[in-house]
N, C-alpha and C. Protein backbone atom coordinates (compact mmCIF):
# COMPACT_ATOMS: atom_id res chain seq x y z
N UNK A 1 -7.69 55.02 -102.91
CA UNK A 1 -6.27 54.76 -103.08
C UNK A 1 -5.60 54.72 -101.71
N UNK A 2 -4.64 53.82 -101.54
CA UNK A 2 -3.94 53.66 -100.26
C UNK A 2 -3.02 54.84 -99.99
N UNK A 3 -2.88 55.15 -98.72
CA UNK A 3 -1.96 56.21 -98.29
C UNK A 3 -0.52 55.72 -98.41
N UNK A 4 0.39 56.67 -98.47
CA UNK A 4 1.82 56.34 -98.51
C UNK A 4 2.18 55.52 -97.28
N UNK A 5 2.98 54.47 -97.46
CA UNK A 5 3.37 53.59 -96.37
C UNK A 5 4.26 54.27 -95.35
N UNK A 6 4.19 53.80 -94.13
CA UNK A 6 5.01 54.29 -93.03
C UNK A 6 6.04 53.21 -92.71
N UNK A 7 7.29 53.62 -92.50
CA UNK A 7 8.34 52.69 -92.10
C UNK A 7 8.79 53.10 -90.70
N UNK A 8 8.37 52.35 -89.67
CA UNK A 8 8.74 52.70 -88.30
C UNK A 8 10.24 52.59 -88.06
N UNK A 9 10.74 53.39 -87.13
CA UNK A 9 12.12 53.23 -86.67
C UNK A 9 12.06 52.76 -85.21
N UNK A 10 13.21 52.58 -84.59
CA UNK A 10 13.25 52.04 -83.22
C UNK A 10 12.47 52.92 -82.24
N UNK A 11 12.53 54.23 -82.42
CA UNK A 11 11.85 55.15 -81.51
C UNK A 11 10.33 55.10 -81.67
N UNK A 12 9.84 55.00 -82.91
CA UNK A 12 8.40 55.06 -83.16
C UNK A 12 7.72 53.69 -83.25
N UNK A 13 8.50 52.61 -83.22
CA UNK A 13 7.93 51.26 -83.39
C UNK A 13 6.76 50.97 -82.44
N UNK A 14 6.85 51.32 -81.13
CA UNK A 14 5.70 51.03 -80.25
C UNK A 14 4.42 51.76 -80.67
N UNK A 15 4.55 52.98 -81.17
CA UNK A 15 3.38 53.74 -81.65
C UNK A 15 2.73 53.00 -82.82
N UNK A 16 3.55 52.57 -83.78
CA UNK A 16 3.01 51.91 -84.97
C UNK A 16 2.52 50.49 -84.67
N UNK A 17 3.18 49.78 -83.75
CA UNK A 17 2.68 48.45 -83.35
C UNK A 17 1.30 48.58 -82.73
N UNK A 18 1.11 49.59 -81.86
CA UNK A 18 -0.19 49.81 -81.23
C UNK A 18 -1.24 50.15 -82.30
N UNK A 19 -0.87 50.96 -83.28
CA UNK A 19 -1.81 51.31 -84.36
C UNK A 19 -2.26 50.05 -85.10
N UNK A 20 -1.34 49.13 -85.35
CA UNK A 20 -1.71 47.87 -86.01
C UNK A 20 -2.67 47.05 -85.17
N UNK A 21 -2.66 47.27 -83.85
CA UNK A 21 -3.58 46.57 -82.93
C UNK A 21 -4.85 47.37 -82.69
N UNK A 22 -4.99 48.53 -83.35
CA UNK A 22 -6.18 49.36 -83.16
C UNK A 22 -6.17 50.18 -81.88
N UNK A 23 -4.97 50.50 -81.40
CA UNK A 23 -4.84 51.30 -80.17
C UNK A 23 -4.02 52.55 -80.47
N UNK A 24 -4.38 53.66 -79.82
CA UNK A 24 -3.62 54.90 -79.94
C UNK A 24 -2.82 55.09 -78.66
N UNK A 25 -1.49 55.13 -78.80
CA UNK A 25 -0.62 55.35 -77.65
C UNK A 25 0.23 56.59 -77.89
N UNK A 26 0.54 57.29 -76.81
CA UNK A 26 1.35 58.50 -76.85
C UNK A 26 2.41 58.36 -75.77
N UNK A 27 3.59 58.92 -76.03
CA UNK A 27 4.65 58.88 -75.01
C UNK A 27 4.24 59.68 -73.79
N UNK A 28 4.56 59.12 -72.61
CA UNK A 28 4.25 59.76 -71.34
C UNK A 28 5.50 59.75 -70.48
N UNK A 29 5.81 60.91 -69.89
CA UNK A 29 6.96 61.01 -68.99
C UNK A 29 6.46 60.87 -67.55
N UNK A 30 6.92 59.84 -66.86
CA UNK A 30 6.52 59.63 -65.47
C UNK A 30 7.20 60.62 -64.53
N UNK A 31 8.31 61.21 -64.95
CA UNK A 31 9.02 62.17 -64.09
C UNK A 31 8.23 63.47 -63.93
N UNK A 32 7.63 63.97 -65.02
CA UNK A 32 6.91 65.25 -64.94
C UNK A 32 5.43 65.11 -65.30
N UNK A 33 4.98 63.88 -65.55
CA UNK A 33 3.58 63.58 -65.84
C UNK A 33 3.06 64.32 -67.07
N UNK A 34 3.87 64.37 -68.12
CA UNK A 34 3.47 65.04 -69.36
C UNK A 34 3.42 64.04 -70.50
N UNK A 35 2.51 64.31 -71.43
CA UNK A 35 2.44 63.57 -72.68
C UNK A 35 3.25 64.33 -73.73
N UNK A 36 3.78 63.59 -74.72
CA UNK A 36 4.46 64.26 -75.82
C UNK A 36 4.28 63.48 -77.12
N UNK A 37 4.11 64.25 -78.19
CA UNK A 37 4.00 63.69 -79.52
C UNK A 37 4.42 64.76 -80.50
N UNK A 38 5.28 64.47 -81.44
CA UNK A 38 5.78 63.15 -81.79
C UNK A 38 6.76 62.60 -80.76
N UNK A 39 7.01 61.30 -80.82
CA UNK A 39 7.92 60.67 -79.87
C UNK A 39 9.33 61.25 -79.96
N UNK A 40 10.02 61.25 -78.84
CA UNK A 40 11.40 61.70 -78.77
C UNK A 40 12.15 60.80 -77.79
N UNK A 41 13.47 60.85 -77.84
CA UNK A 41 14.27 59.99 -76.95
C UNK A 41 14.36 60.55 -75.54
N UNK A 42 14.05 61.84 -75.37
CA UNK A 42 13.99 62.45 -74.03
C UNK A 42 12.71 63.27 -73.93
N UNK A 43 12.29 63.54 -72.72
CA UNK A 43 11.10 64.35 -72.48
C UNK A 43 11.36 65.78 -72.95
N UNK A 44 10.45 66.30 -73.73
CA UNK A 44 10.59 67.66 -74.25
C UNK A 44 10.35 68.71 -73.16
N UNK A 45 9.77 68.29 -72.03
CA UNK A 45 9.49 69.23 -70.94
C UNK A 45 10.59 69.24 -69.89
N UNK A 46 10.94 68.05 -69.37
CA UNK A 46 11.90 68.01 -68.25
C UNK A 46 13.27 67.45 -68.66
N UNK A 47 13.38 66.89 -69.86
CA UNK A 47 14.65 66.37 -70.33
C UNK A 47 14.96 64.94 -69.93
N UNK A 48 14.08 64.31 -69.15
CA UNK A 48 14.33 62.94 -68.70
C UNK A 48 14.28 61.98 -69.87
N UNK A 49 15.21 61.04 -69.88
CA UNK A 49 15.19 59.98 -70.88
C UNK A 49 14.88 58.63 -70.27
N UNK A 50 14.88 58.59 -68.94
CA UNK A 50 14.70 57.32 -68.23
C UNK A 50 13.27 57.07 -67.78
N UNK A 51 12.39 58.03 -67.97
CA UNK A 51 11.03 57.91 -67.43
C UNK A 51 9.96 57.93 -68.51
N UNK A 52 10.33 57.68 -69.75
CA UNK A 52 9.36 57.69 -70.84
C UNK A 52 8.75 56.31 -71.03
N UNK A 53 7.44 56.28 -71.20
CA UNK A 53 6.71 55.04 -71.46
C UNK A 53 5.56 55.39 -72.41
N UNK A 54 4.90 54.37 -72.91
CA UNK A 54 3.78 54.57 -73.82
C UNK A 54 2.49 54.43 -73.04
N UNK A 55 1.57 55.37 -73.24
CA UNK A 55 0.30 55.38 -72.52
C UNK A 55 -0.84 55.34 -73.53
N UNK A 56 -1.80 54.45 -73.29
CA UNK A 56 -2.93 54.33 -74.20
C UNK A 56 -3.89 55.50 -73.99
N UNK A 57 -4.35 56.05 -75.09
CA UNK A 57 -5.28 57.18 -75.08
C UNK A 57 -6.70 56.68 -75.32
N UNK A 58 -7.67 57.54 -75.07
CA UNK A 58 -9.08 57.18 -75.24
C UNK A 58 -9.48 57.08 -76.71
N UNK A 59 -8.73 57.74 -77.59
CA UNK A 59 -9.08 57.74 -79.00
C UNK A 59 -10.17 58.74 -79.32
N UNK A 60 -10.32 59.75 -78.47
CA UNK A 60 -11.32 60.79 -78.70
C UNK A 60 -10.64 62.15 -78.72
N UNK A 61 -11.21 63.06 -79.49
CA UNK A 61 -10.66 64.40 -79.57
C UNK A 61 -11.64 65.37 -80.19
N UNK A 62 -11.13 66.54 -80.53
CA UNK A 62 -11.93 67.63 -81.09
C UNK A 62 -11.18 68.24 -82.27
N UNK A 63 -11.93 68.62 -83.31
CA UNK A 63 -11.32 69.28 -84.47
C UNK A 63 -10.99 70.71 -84.08
N UNK A 64 -9.72 71.07 -84.18
CA UNK A 64 -9.25 72.42 -83.86
C UNK A 64 -9.34 73.34 -85.08
N UNK A 65 -8.90 72.85 -86.23
CA UNK A 65 -8.87 73.64 -87.45
C UNK A 65 -8.63 72.70 -88.62
N UNK A 66 -8.64 73.23 -89.83
CA UNK A 66 -8.39 72.39 -91.00
C UNK A 66 -7.97 73.23 -92.19
N UNK A 67 -7.47 72.56 -93.20
CA UNK A 67 -7.17 73.16 -94.50
C UNK A 67 -7.54 72.15 -95.57
N UNK A 68 -7.54 72.59 -96.81
CA UNK A 68 -7.82 71.70 -97.94
C UNK A 68 -6.61 71.69 -98.84
N UNK A 69 -6.14 70.48 -99.20
CA UNK A 69 -4.98 70.32 -100.07
C UNK A 69 -5.48 70.11 -101.50
N UNK A 70 -5.03 71.00 -102.39
CA UNK A 70 -5.41 70.93 -103.80
C UNK A 70 -4.26 70.47 -104.70
N UNK A 71 -3.02 70.62 -104.24
CA UNK A 71 -1.86 70.31 -105.07
C UNK A 71 -0.81 69.59 -104.21
N UNK A 72 -1.02 68.30 -104.01
CA UNK A 72 -0.16 67.51 -103.11
C UNK A 72 1.04 66.95 -103.87
N UNK A 73 2.24 67.08 -103.30
CA UNK A 73 3.42 66.53 -103.97
C UNK A 73 3.58 65.01 -103.80
N UNK A 74 2.79 64.40 -102.91
CA UNK A 74 2.89 62.95 -102.67
C UNK A 74 2.06 62.22 -103.72
N UNK A 75 2.73 61.48 -104.58
CA UNK A 75 2.07 60.84 -105.72
C UNK A 75 0.89 59.96 -105.31
N UNK A 76 1.03 59.18 -104.23
CA UNK A 76 -0.06 58.28 -103.81
C UNK A 76 -1.30 59.04 -103.35
N UNK A 77 -1.16 60.31 -103.01
CA UNK A 77 -2.31 61.09 -102.54
C UNK A 77 -2.91 61.97 -103.64
N UNK A 78 -2.24 62.10 -104.76
CA UNK A 78 -2.70 63.00 -105.81
C UNK A 78 -4.06 62.60 -106.40
N UNK A 79 -4.36 61.32 -106.41
CA UNK A 79 -5.65 60.85 -106.94
C UNK A 79 -6.81 61.24 -106.03
N UNK A 80 -6.51 61.53 -104.77
CA UNK A 80 -7.55 61.88 -103.80
C UNK A 80 -7.78 63.39 -103.69
N UNK A 81 -7.05 64.18 -104.46
CA UNK A 81 -7.17 65.64 -104.37
C UNK A 81 -8.52 66.11 -104.92
N UNK A 82 -9.05 67.20 -104.37
CA UNK A 82 -8.61 67.85 -103.13
C UNK A 82 -9.03 67.01 -101.93
N UNK A 83 -8.33 67.20 -100.78
CA UNK A 83 -8.70 66.48 -99.56
C UNK A 83 -8.47 67.36 -98.34
N UNK A 84 -9.20 67.03 -97.28
CA UNK A 84 -9.09 67.75 -96.01
C UNK A 84 -7.84 67.33 -95.26
N UNK A 85 -7.27 68.26 -94.51
CA UNK A 85 -6.26 67.95 -93.50
C UNK A 85 -6.70 68.71 -92.26
N UNK A 86 -7.17 67.97 -91.27
CA UNK A 86 -7.68 68.58 -90.04
C UNK A 86 -6.68 68.40 -88.90
N UNK A 87 -6.67 69.37 -88.00
CA UNK A 87 -5.86 69.30 -86.79
C UNK A 87 -6.77 68.82 -85.67
N UNK A 88 -6.39 67.72 -85.04
CA UNK A 88 -7.17 67.09 -83.98
C UNK A 88 -6.47 67.29 -82.65
N UNK A 89 -7.19 67.80 -81.65
CA UNK A 89 -6.66 67.92 -80.28
C UNK A 89 -7.16 66.72 -79.48
N UNK A 90 -6.24 66.01 -78.84
CA UNK A 90 -6.61 64.85 -78.04
C UNK A 90 -7.32 65.28 -76.75
N UNK A 91 -8.30 64.49 -76.32
CA UNK A 91 -8.98 64.78 -75.06
C UNK A 91 -8.02 64.80 -73.88
N UNK A 92 -7.06 63.89 -73.87
CA UNK A 92 -6.15 63.78 -72.72
C UNK A 92 -5.24 64.99 -72.59
N UNK A 93 -4.96 65.67 -73.70
CA UNK A 93 -4.09 66.85 -73.67
C UNK A 93 -4.29 67.61 -74.97
N UNK A 94 -5.06 68.72 -74.94
CA UNK A 94 -5.30 69.48 -76.16
C UNK A 94 -4.01 70.00 -76.82
N UNK A 95 -2.90 70.02 -76.08
CA UNK A 95 -1.62 70.41 -76.65
C UNK A 95 -1.02 69.34 -77.56
N UNK A 96 -1.51 68.10 -77.45
CA UNK A 96 -1.09 67.03 -78.35
C UNK A 96 -2.03 67.08 -79.55
N UNK A 97 -1.47 67.37 -80.70
CA UNK A 97 -2.29 67.52 -81.90
C UNK A 97 -1.85 66.53 -82.96
N UNK A 98 -2.83 65.95 -83.62
CA UNK A 98 -2.60 65.00 -84.69
C UNK A 98 -3.33 65.49 -85.93
N UNK A 99 -2.96 64.96 -87.09
CA UNK A 99 -3.59 65.36 -88.34
C UNK A 99 -4.45 64.24 -88.90
N UNK A 100 -5.49 64.61 -89.65
CA UNK A 100 -6.38 63.61 -90.23
C UNK A 100 -6.98 64.13 -91.53
N UNK A 101 -7.27 63.20 -92.42
CA UNK A 101 -8.00 63.53 -93.65
C UNK A 101 -9.50 63.48 -93.40
N UNK A 102 -9.91 63.05 -92.21
CA UNK A 102 -11.33 62.93 -91.84
C UNK A 102 -12.12 62.12 -92.86
N UNK A 103 -11.82 60.82 -92.98
CA UNK A 103 -12.55 59.98 -93.93
C UNK A 103 -14.06 60.12 -93.75
N UNK A 104 -14.77 60.28 -94.87
CA UNK A 104 -16.22 60.40 -94.83
C UNK A 104 -16.72 61.83 -94.72
N UNK A 105 -15.82 62.79 -94.52
CA UNK A 105 -16.21 64.19 -94.43
C UNK A 105 -15.97 64.85 -95.78
N UNK A 106 -17.01 65.48 -96.36
CA UNK A 106 -16.82 66.12 -97.66
C UNK A 106 -15.74 67.21 -97.62
N UNK A 107 -15.08 67.41 -98.75
CA UNK A 107 -14.02 68.41 -98.85
C UNK A 107 -14.58 69.79 -98.50
N UNK A 108 -13.83 70.48 -97.65
CA UNK A 108 -14.14 71.84 -97.21
C UNK A 108 -15.46 71.94 -96.46
N UNK A 109 -15.89 70.83 -95.85
CA UNK A 109 -17.09 70.83 -95.03
C UNK A 109 -16.76 70.29 -93.64
N UNK A 110 -15.58 70.65 -93.14
CA UNK A 110 -15.10 70.15 -91.85
C UNK A 110 -15.76 70.95 -90.72
N UNK A 111 -16.41 70.27 -89.80
CA UNK A 111 -17.08 70.97 -88.69
C UNK A 111 -16.10 71.28 -87.55
N UNK A 112 -15.43 72.42 -87.64
CA UNK A 112 -14.47 72.82 -86.60
C UNK A 112 -15.19 72.81 -85.25
N UNK A 113 -14.53 72.23 -84.26
CA UNK A 113 -15.11 72.10 -82.92
C UNK A 113 -15.86 70.80 -82.70
N UNK A 114 -16.06 70.01 -83.77
CA UNK A 114 -16.80 68.75 -83.65
C UNK A 114 -15.95 67.70 -82.95
N UNK A 115 -16.61 66.75 -82.33
CA UNK A 115 -15.98 65.62 -81.68
C UNK A 115 -15.57 64.59 -82.73
N UNK A 116 -14.45 63.92 -82.50
CA UNK A 116 -13.96 62.88 -83.40
C UNK A 116 -13.51 61.66 -82.60
N UNK A 117 -13.49 60.53 -83.29
CA UNK A 117 -13.05 59.26 -82.72
C UNK A 117 -12.00 58.67 -83.65
N UNK A 118 -10.95 58.09 -83.07
CA UNK A 118 -9.88 57.52 -83.89
C UNK A 118 -10.34 56.24 -84.57
N UNK A 119 -9.89 56.06 -85.80
CA UNK A 119 -10.02 54.81 -86.53
C UNK A 119 -8.62 54.53 -87.08
N UNK A 120 -8.40 53.35 -87.61
CA UNK A 120 -7.08 53.01 -88.14
C UNK A 120 -7.24 52.50 -89.57
N UNK A 121 -6.44 53.08 -90.47
CA UNK A 121 -6.50 52.71 -91.88
C UNK A 121 -5.15 52.18 -92.33
N UNK A 122 -5.18 51.17 -93.19
CA UNK A 122 -3.95 50.58 -93.72
C UNK A 122 -3.35 51.49 -94.79
N UNK A 123 -2.02 51.55 -94.82
CA UNK A 123 -1.30 52.30 -95.85
C UNK A 123 -0.86 51.35 -96.94
N UNK A 124 -0.14 51.87 -97.92
CA UNK A 124 0.31 51.06 -99.06
C UNK A 124 1.13 49.85 -98.65
N UNK A 125 1.91 49.95 -97.55
CA UNK A 125 2.73 48.81 -97.12
C UNK A 125 2.06 47.99 -96.01
N UNK A 126 0.77 48.26 -95.74
CA UNK A 126 0.04 47.49 -94.74
C UNK A 126 0.08 48.07 -93.34
N UNK A 127 0.99 49.01 -93.06
CA UNK A 127 1.06 49.65 -91.75
C UNK A 127 -0.20 50.48 -91.53
N UNK A 128 -0.85 50.28 -90.40
CA UNK A 128 -2.04 51.08 -90.09
C UNK A 128 -1.63 52.42 -89.49
N UNK A 129 -2.42 53.45 -89.81
CA UNK A 129 -2.19 54.80 -89.30
C UNK A 129 -3.47 55.30 -88.65
N UNK A 130 -3.33 56.13 -87.61
CA UNK A 130 -4.53 56.70 -87.01
C UNK A 130 -5.16 57.75 -87.93
N UNK A 131 -6.45 57.65 -88.11
CA UNK A 131 -7.27 58.65 -88.79
C UNK A 131 -8.40 58.99 -87.82
N UNK A 132 -9.21 59.94 -88.16
CA UNK A 132 -10.26 60.38 -87.24
C UNK A 132 -11.56 60.52 -87.99
N UNK A 133 -12.64 60.10 -87.34
CA UNK A 133 -13.98 60.17 -87.93
C UNK A 133 -14.84 61.08 -87.06
N UNK A 134 -15.59 61.96 -87.73
CA UNK A 134 -16.46 62.89 -87.01
C UNK A 134 -17.54 62.10 -86.29
N UNK A 135 -17.80 62.46 -85.05
CA UNK A 135 -18.82 61.82 -84.22
C UNK A 135 -18.22 61.42 -82.89
N UNK A 136 -19.01 61.49 -81.87
CA UNK A 136 -18.55 61.13 -80.54
C UNK A 136 -19.30 61.92 -79.50
N UNK A 137 -19.04 61.59 -78.25
CA UNK A 137 -19.75 62.23 -77.14
C UNK A 137 -19.25 63.65 -76.93
N UNK A 138 -20.14 64.54 -76.49
CA UNK A 138 -19.71 65.90 -76.17
C UNK A 138 -18.71 65.90 -75.03
N UNK A 139 -17.92 66.92 -74.96
CA UNK A 139 -16.88 67.02 -73.93
C UNK A 139 -17.05 68.32 -73.17
N UNK A 140 -16.58 68.32 -71.94
CA UNK A 140 -16.56 69.53 -71.13
C UNK A 140 -15.81 70.63 -71.90
N UNK A 141 -16.28 71.88 -71.84
CA UNK A 141 -15.61 72.96 -72.58
C UNK A 141 -14.14 73.09 -72.21
N UNK A 142 -13.31 73.49 -73.20
CA UNK A 142 -11.87 73.60 -72.99
C UNK A 142 -11.50 74.69 -71.99
N UNK A 143 -12.33 75.72 -71.83
CA UNK A 143 -11.96 76.77 -70.90
C UNK A 143 -11.90 76.26 -69.46
N UNK A 144 -12.44 75.08 -69.19
CA UNK A 144 -12.37 74.49 -67.85
C UNK A 144 -11.21 73.52 -67.69
N UNK A 145 -10.31 73.50 -68.68
CA UNK A 145 -9.18 72.58 -68.64
C UNK A 145 -7.89 73.34 -68.92
N UNK A 146 -6.79 72.82 -68.39
CA UNK A 146 -5.48 73.38 -68.70
C UNK A 146 -5.01 72.82 -70.02
N UNK A 147 -3.87 73.27 -70.52
CA UNK A 147 -3.34 72.76 -71.78
C UNK A 147 -2.89 71.31 -71.68
N UNK A 148 -2.84 70.76 -70.49
CA UNK A 148 -2.43 69.36 -70.35
C UNK A 148 -3.59 68.49 -69.93
N UNK A 149 -4.82 68.97 -70.12
CA UNK A 149 -5.99 68.15 -69.94
C UNK A 149 -6.57 68.09 -68.54
N UNK A 150 -5.84 68.59 -67.52
CA UNK A 150 -6.38 68.52 -66.16
C UNK A 150 -7.49 69.56 -66.00
N UNK A 151 -8.38 69.30 -65.06
CA UNK A 151 -9.40 70.30 -64.74
C UNK A 151 -8.72 71.47 -64.04
N UNK A 152 -9.11 72.67 -64.42
CA UNK A 152 -8.56 73.85 -63.76
C UNK A 152 -9.34 74.13 -62.49
N UNK A 153 -8.68 74.73 -61.52
CA UNK A 153 -9.35 75.09 -60.26
C UNK A 153 -10.13 76.37 -60.48
N UNK A 154 -11.44 76.30 -60.28
CA UNK A 154 -12.28 77.49 -60.46
C UNK A 154 -13.22 77.65 -59.30
């Protein structure tokens, strides 16, 4: 069954346009060199509104945690119950977290800590949304990185 459709607004349109092209983009502030998601009209870190742009991500991440939904209020998703909802940390910045149903992963069998790769699935209105599939190359351990993805000095 198709997921509930997404209707982009002026602020989120670039994110959804990129998704339709099979690309994952996140807002980036050139003033303080930070990523932010969800999108906002000003930087959540430094407050700048003039230095925000969209930056393409690698489309790779790690499963941080998950839950299983047994009683969803969204009618279009009720036929798929129960289903996983996993929290994905992006490689570029583990502080940027996205959610996924992890297509192809059995319910309540989510491998926390596993590598994932972004895929894009169409919703009921045709808008594609980022989802994540288990599998991908291993990554350097998080203890060697800061919360914004840079290597820490050790």
